[in-house]
C-alpha atoms as a PDB file:
ATOM      1  CA  MET A   1     -10.794 -24.076 -52.295  1.00  0.00           C
ATOM      2  CA  ASN A   2      -8.302 -26.860 -52.901  1.00  0.00           C
ATOM      3  CA  ASN A   3      -6.979 -26.423 -56.444  1.00  0.00           C
ATOM      4  CA  ARG A   4      -3.880 -28.594 -56.119  1.00  0.00           C
ATOM      5  CA  VAL A   5      -3.217 -30.838 -59.117  1.00  0.00           C
ATOM      6  CA  PRO A   6      -1.831 -34.207 -58.015  1.00  0.00           C
ATOM      7  CA  MET A   7       0.755 -35.743 -60.318  1.00  0.00           C
ATOM      8  CA  THR A   8       3.543 -38.268 -60.237  1.00  0.00           C
ATOM      9  CA  ILE A   9       7.190 -37.384 -60.843  1.00  0.00           C
ATOM     10  CA  ASN A  10       6.943 -38.836 -64.367  1.00  0.00           C
ATOM     11  CA  GLY A  11       3.812 -36.779 -65.046  1.00  0.00           C
ATOM     12  CA  GLU A  12       5.573 -33.587 -63.999  1.00  0.00           C
ATOM     13  CA  ALA A  13       8.598 -34.433 -66.165  1.00  0.00           C
ATOM     14  CA  ALA A  14       6.369 -35.076 -69.190  1.00  0.00           C
ATOM     15  CA  LEU A  15       4.566 -31.740 -68.753  1.00  0.00           C
ATOM     16  CA  ARG A  16       7.868 -29.872 -68.341  1.00  0.00           C
ATOM     17  CA  ALA A  17       9.225 -31.538 -71.514  1.00  0.00           C
ATOM     18  CA  GLU A  18       6.083 -30.588 -73.464  1.00  0.00           C
ATOM     19  CA  LEU A  19       6.314 -27.010 -72.165  1.00  0.00           C
ATOM     20  CA  LYS A  20       9.969 -26.753 -73.192  1.00  0.00           C
ATOM     21  CA  LYS A  21       9.160 -28.054 -76.691  1.00  0.00           C
ATOM     22  CA  LEU A  22       6.246 -25.648 -77.083  1.00  0.00           C
ATOM     23  CA  LYS A  23       8.356 -22.653 -76.032  1.00  0.00           C
ATOM     24  CA  SER A  24      11.638 -23.511 -77.768  1.00  0.00           C
ATOM     25  CA  GLU A  25      10.447 -25.226 -80.971  1.00  0.00           C
ATOM     26  CA  ASP A  26       6.755 -24.806 -81.732  1.00  0.00           C
ATOM     27  CA  ARG A  27       6.319 -21.133 -80.779  1.00  0.00           C
ATOM     28  CA  PRO A  28       9.317 -19.887 -82.846  1.00  0.00           C
ATOM     29  CA  ARG A  29       8.246 -22.049 -85.808  1.00  0.00           C
ATOM     30  CA  VAL A  30       4.715 -20.607 -85.863  1.00  0.00           C
ATOM     31  CA  ILE A  31       5.990 -17.020 -85.428  1.00  0.00           C
ATOM     32  CA  GLU A  32       8.196 -17.585 -88.470  1.00  0.00           C
ATOM     33  CA  ALA A  33       5.244 -19.018 -90.405  1.00  0.00           C
ATOM     34  CA  ILE A  34       3.134 -15.943 -89.563  1.00  0.00           C
ATOM     35  CA  ALA A  35       5.903 -13.603 -90.701  1.00  0.00           C
ATOM     36  CA  GLU A  36       6.305 -15.561 -93.934  1.00  0.00           C
ATOM     37  CA  ALA A  37       2.550 -15.556 -94.580  1.00  0.00           C
ATOM     38  CA  ARG A  38       2.391 -11.766 -94.007  1.00  0.00           C
ATOM     39  CA  GLU A  39       4.894 -11.308 -96.828  1.00  0.00           C
ATOM     40  CA  HIS A  40       2.415 -12.891 -99.229  1.00  0.00           C
ATOM     41  CA  GLY A  41       0.208  -9.805 -99.089  1.00  0.00           C
ATOM     42  CA  ASP A  42      -3.511  -9.445 -98.350  1.00  0.00           C
ATOM     43  CA  LEU A  43      -4.157 -11.036 -94.936  1.00  0.00           C
ATOM     44  CA  LYS A  44      -7.955 -11.254 -95.341  1.00  0.00           C
ATOM     45  CA  GLU A  45      -7.741 -14.017 -97.903  1.00  0.00           C
ATOM     46  CA  ASN A  46      -4.467 -15.573 -96.814  1.00  0.00           C
ATOM     47  CA  ALA A  47      -5.238 -19.115 -95.629  1.00  0.00           C
ATOM     48  CA  GLU A  48      -1.644 -19.757 -94.550  1.00  0.00           C
ATOM     49  CA  TYR A  49      -1.720 -16.684 -92.303  1.00  0.00           C
ATOM     50  CA  HIS A  50      -5.032 -17.706 -90.696  1.00  0.00           C
ATOM     51  CA  ALA A  51      -3.840 -21.279 -90.175  1.00  0.00           C
ATOM     52  CA  ALA A  52      -0.615 -20.067 -88.565  1.00  0.00           C
ATOM     53  CA  ARG A  53      -2.532 -17.659 -86.290  1.00  0.00           C
ATOM     54  CA  GLU A  54      -4.866 -20.483 -85.256  1.00  0.00           C
ATOM     55  CA  GLN A  55      -1.855 -22.700 -84.501  1.00  0.00           C
ATOM     56  CA  GLN A  56      -0.288 -19.870 -82.495  1.00  0.00           C
ATOM     57  CA  SER A  57      -3.495 -19.493 -80.470  1.00  0.00           C
ATOM     58  CA  PHE A  58      -3.500 -23.221 -79.713  1.00  0.00           C
ATOM     59  CA  ILE A  59       0.177 -23.207 -78.662  1.00  0.00           C
ATOM     60  CA  GLU A  60      -0.226 -20.168 -76.399  1.00  0.00           C
ATOM     61  CA  GLY A  61      -3.322 -21.719 -74.804  1.00  0.00           C
ATOM     62  CA  ARG A  62      -1.530 -24.990 -74.151  1.00  0.00           C
ATOM     63  CA  ILE A  63       1.476 -23.150 -72.662  1.00  0.00           C
ATOM     64  CA  GLN A  64      -0.836 -21.307 -70.264  1.00  0.00           C
ATOM     65  CA  GLU A  65      -2.625 -24.541 -69.341  1.00  0.00           C
ATOM     66  CA  ILE A  66       0.624 -26.397 -68.597  1.00  0.00           C
ATOM     67  CA  GLU A  67       2.107 -23.495 -66.632  1.00  0.00           C
ATOM     68  CA  SER A  68      -1.081 -23.299 -64.563  1.00  0.00           C
ATOM     69  CA  LYS A  69      -1.027 -27.032 -63.805  1.00  0.00           C
ATOM     70  CA  LEU A  70       2.656 -26.989 -62.900  1.00  0.00           C
ATOM     71  CA  SER A  71       2.206 -24.012 -60.579  1.00  0.00           C
ATOM     72  CA  ALA A  72      -0.604 -25.849 -58.774  1.00  0.00           C
ATOM     73  CA  ALA A  73       1.117 -29.254 -58.915  1.00  0.00           C
ATOM     74  CA  GLN A  74       1.386 -31.456 -55.887  1.00  0.00           C
ATOM     75  CA  ILE A  75       4.143 -33.902 -56.817  1.00  0.00           C
ATOM     76  CA  ILE A  76       3.681 -37.256 -55.117  1.00  0.00           C
ATOM     77  CA  ASP A  77       6.607 -39.683 -55.059  1.00  0.00           C
ATOM     78  CA  VAL A  78       5.353 -42.998 -53.682  1.00  0.00           C
ATOM     79  CA  THR A  79       8.827 -44.535 -53.896  1.00  0.00           C
ATOM     80  CA  ARG A  80       9.743 -42.442 -50.837  1.00  0.00           C
ATOM     81  CA  MET A  81       6.737 -43.639 -48.825  1.00  0.00           C
ATOM     82  CA  ASP A  82       6.382 -46.789 -46.768  1.00  0.00           C
ATOM     83  CA  ASN A  83       4.278 -49.449 -48.457  1.00  0.00           C
ATOM     84  CA  THR A  84       1.451 -50.140 -46.038  1.00  0.00           C
ATOM     85  CA  GLY A  85      -0.587 -52.104 -48.572  1.00  0.00           C
ATOM     86  CA  LYS A  86      -3.083 -49.249 -48.809  1.00  0.00           C
ATOM     87  CA  VAL A  87      -4.123 -47.902 -52.218  1.00  0.00           C
ATOM     88  CA  ILE A  88      -3.095 -44.243 -52.540  1.00  0.00           C
ATOM     89  CA  PHE A  89      -2.333 -41.865 -55.407  1.00  0.00           C
ATOM     90  CA  GLY A  90       0.717 -42.974 -57.405  1.00  0.00           C
ATOM     91  CA  VAL A  91       0.778 -46.656 -56.457  1.00  0.00           C
ATOM     92  CA  THR A  92       0.601 -49.543 -58.897  1.00  0.00           C
ATOM     93  CA  VAL A  93      -2.240 -51.918 -58.100  1.00  0.00           C
ATOM     94  CA  LYS A  94      -2.537 -55.529 -59.227  1.00  0.00           C
ATOM     95  CA  LEU A  95      -6.175 -56.601 -59.411  1.00  0.00           C
ATOM     96  CA  VAL A  96      -7.872 -59.931 -60.013  1.00  0.00           C
ATOM     97  CA  ASN A  97     -11.394 -60.019 -61.423  1.00  0.00           C
ATOM     98  CA  VAL A  98     -13.317 -62.165 -58.915  1.00  0.00           C
ATOM     99  CA  ASP A  99     -15.558 -63.713 -61.610  1.00  0.00           C
ATOM    100  CA  THR A 100     -13.117 -64.317 -64.480  1.00  0.00           C
ATOM    101  CA  GLU A 101      -9.828 -64.458 -62.513  1.00  0.00           C
ATOM    102  CA  GLU A 102      -8.353 -62.129 -65.144  1.00  0.00           C
ATOM    103  CA  GLU A 103      -5.436 -60.110 -63.767  1.00  0.00           C
ATOM    104  CA  VAL A 104      -4.889 -56.432 -64.543  1.00  0.00           C
ATOM    105  CA  GLN A 105      -2.382 -53.878 -63.303  1.00  0.00           C
ATOM    106  CA  TYR A 106      -2.870 -50.120 -63.101  1.00  0.00           C
ATOM    107  CA  GLN A 107      -0.943 -47.154 -61.782  1.00  0.00           C
ATOM    108  CA  ILE A 108      -3.163 -44.497 -60.245  1.00  0.00           C
ATOM    109  CA  CYS A 109      -1.987 -41.150 -61.606  1.00  0.00           C
ATOM    110  CA  GLY A 110      -3.085 -37.624 -62.478  1.00  0.00           C
ATOM    111  CA  GLU A 111      -5.561 -36.806 -65.216  1.00  0.00           C
ATOM    112  CA  ASP A 112      -2.871 -35.615 -67.653  1.00  0.00           C
ATOM    113  CA  GLU A 113      -0.935 -38.859 -67.284  1.00  0.00           C
ATOM    114  CA  ALA A 114      -3.884 -41.229 -67.710  1.00  0.00           C
ATOM    115  CA  ASP A 115      -3.504 -43.751 -70.528  1.00  0.00           C
ATOM    116  CA  ILE A 116      -5.544 -46.908 -70.083  1.00  0.00           C
ATOM    117  CA  LYS A 117      -3.553 -48.759 -72.787  1.00  0.00           C
ATOM    118  CA  ALA A 118      -0.371 -48.078 -70.810  1.00  0.00           C
ATOM    119  CA  GLY A 119      -2.028 -49.178 -67.560  1.00  0.00           C
ATOM    120  CA  LYS A 120      -2.315 -45.653 -66.138  1.00  0.00           C
ATOM    121  CA  LEU A 121      -5.641 -44.782 -64.526  1.00  0.00           C
ATOM    122  CA  SER A 122      -6.749 -41.258 -63.714  1.00  0.00           C
ATOM    123  CA  VAL A 123      -7.330 -40.746 -59.993  1.00  0.00           C
ATOM    124  CA  THR A 124     -10.796 -39.445 -60.950  1.00  0.00           C
ATOM    125  CA  SER A 125     -11.806 -42.604 -62.858  1.00  0.00           C
ATOM    126  CA  PRO A 126     -14.502 -44.846 -61.339  1.00  0.00           C
ATOM    127  CA  ILE A 127     -12.058 -47.728 -60.793  1.00  0.00           C
ATOM    128  CA  ALA A 128      -9.452 -45.541 -59.077  1.00  0.00           C
ATOM    129  CA  ARG A 129     -12.064 -43.831 -56.894  1.00  0.00           C
ATOM    130  CA  ALA A 130     -13.319 -47.251 -55.787  1.00  0.00           C
ATOM    131  CA  LEU A 131      -9.768 -48.425 -54.994  1.00  0.00           C
ATOM    132  CA  ILE A 132      -8.413 -45.386 -53.101  1.00  0.00           C
ATOM    133  CA  GLY A 133      -8.215 -46.107 -49.377  1.00  0.00           C
ATOM    134  CA  LYS A 134      -8.626 -49.885 -49.732  1.00  0.00           C
ATOM    135  CA  ASN A 135      -5.963 -52.435 -48.731  1.00  0.00           C
ATOM    136  CA  GLU A 136      -4.326 -55.522 -50.217  1.00  0.00           C
ATOM    137  CA  GLY A 137      -6.736 -58.459 -49.976  1.00  0.00           C
ATOM    138  CA  ASP A 138      -9.871 -56.276 -50.074  1.00  0.00           C
ATOM    139  CA  VAL A 139     -12.586 -56.997 -52.624  1.00  0.00           C
ATOM    140  CA  VAL A 140     -13.831 -53.864 -54.346  1.00  0.00           C
ATOM    141  CA  ALA A 141     -17.039 -53.513 -56.341  1.00  0.00           C
ATOM    142  CA  VAL A 142     -16.679 -51.172 -59.309  1.00  0.00           C
ATOM    143  CA  ARG A 143     -19.705 -49.880 -61.185  1.00  0.00           C
ATOM    144  CA  VAL A 144     -19.152 -50.033 -64.926  1.00  0.00           C
ATOM    145  CA  PRO A 145     -21.591 -49.449 -67.814  1.00  0.00           C
ATOM    146  CA  SER A 146     -22.316 -53.175 -68.069  1.00  0.00           C
ATOM    147  CA  GLY A 147     -23.030 -53.560 -64.338  1.00  0.00           C
ATOM    148  CA  THR A 148     -20.786 -54.145 -61.352  1.00  0.00           C
ATOM    149  CA  VAL A 149     -17.382 -55.844 -61.472  1.00  0.00           C
ATOM    150  CA  GLU A 150     -15.663 -57.127 -58.347  1.00  0.00           C
ATOM    151  CA  TYR A 151     -11.891 -56.990 -58.099  1.00  0.00           C
ATOM    152  CA  GLU A 152      -9.647 -58.361 -55.389  1.00  0.00           C
ATOM    153  CA  ILE A 153      -6.629 -56.194 -54.662  1.00  0.00           C
ATOM    154  CA  GLU A 154      -3.773 -58.680 -55.045  1.00  0.00           C
ATOM    155  CA  ALA A 155      -0.855 -56.291 -54.545  1.00  0.00           C
ATOM    156  CA  VAL A 156      -0.066 -52.628 -53.964  1.00  0.00           C
ATOM    157  CA  GLU A 157       3.378 -51.584 -55.181  1.00  0.00           C
ATOM    158  CA  HIS A 158       5.293 -48.355 -54.772  1.00  0.00           C
ATOM    159  CA  LEU A 159       7.195 -48.289 -58.070  1.00  0.00           C
END
């Protein structure tokens, strides 16, 4: 079973920064809040204690999730690869809508990095799946809820 998690260098750095913050700032803060809430007495009816324990559970879960992803990470640095004009994980793709001639630009990245407003598409998204393996100049049909949209791949950049 292939359980590798593809991610860009920036995606890895962002996860490592979040992990560091969770371990060095958030975890100690919530441990302190639990200790403080315990001093208030009866834990059964102590809302502050229960809220802090719930926050601690969330933080510990997120730490485990990030550590798991980082241990299975396959870091892909497209800046070190030759640009063949082929769409692969990590590249930035400039597309032109064949019907409206509207131009859009997306970077194909891992699921944790995806942010459509920032132009970052998850590799598992319908658009990215349609683009992977295609070349500059190809016209790609992408199924969307409103039908099918055709895009021409104008440029593939290794940024």
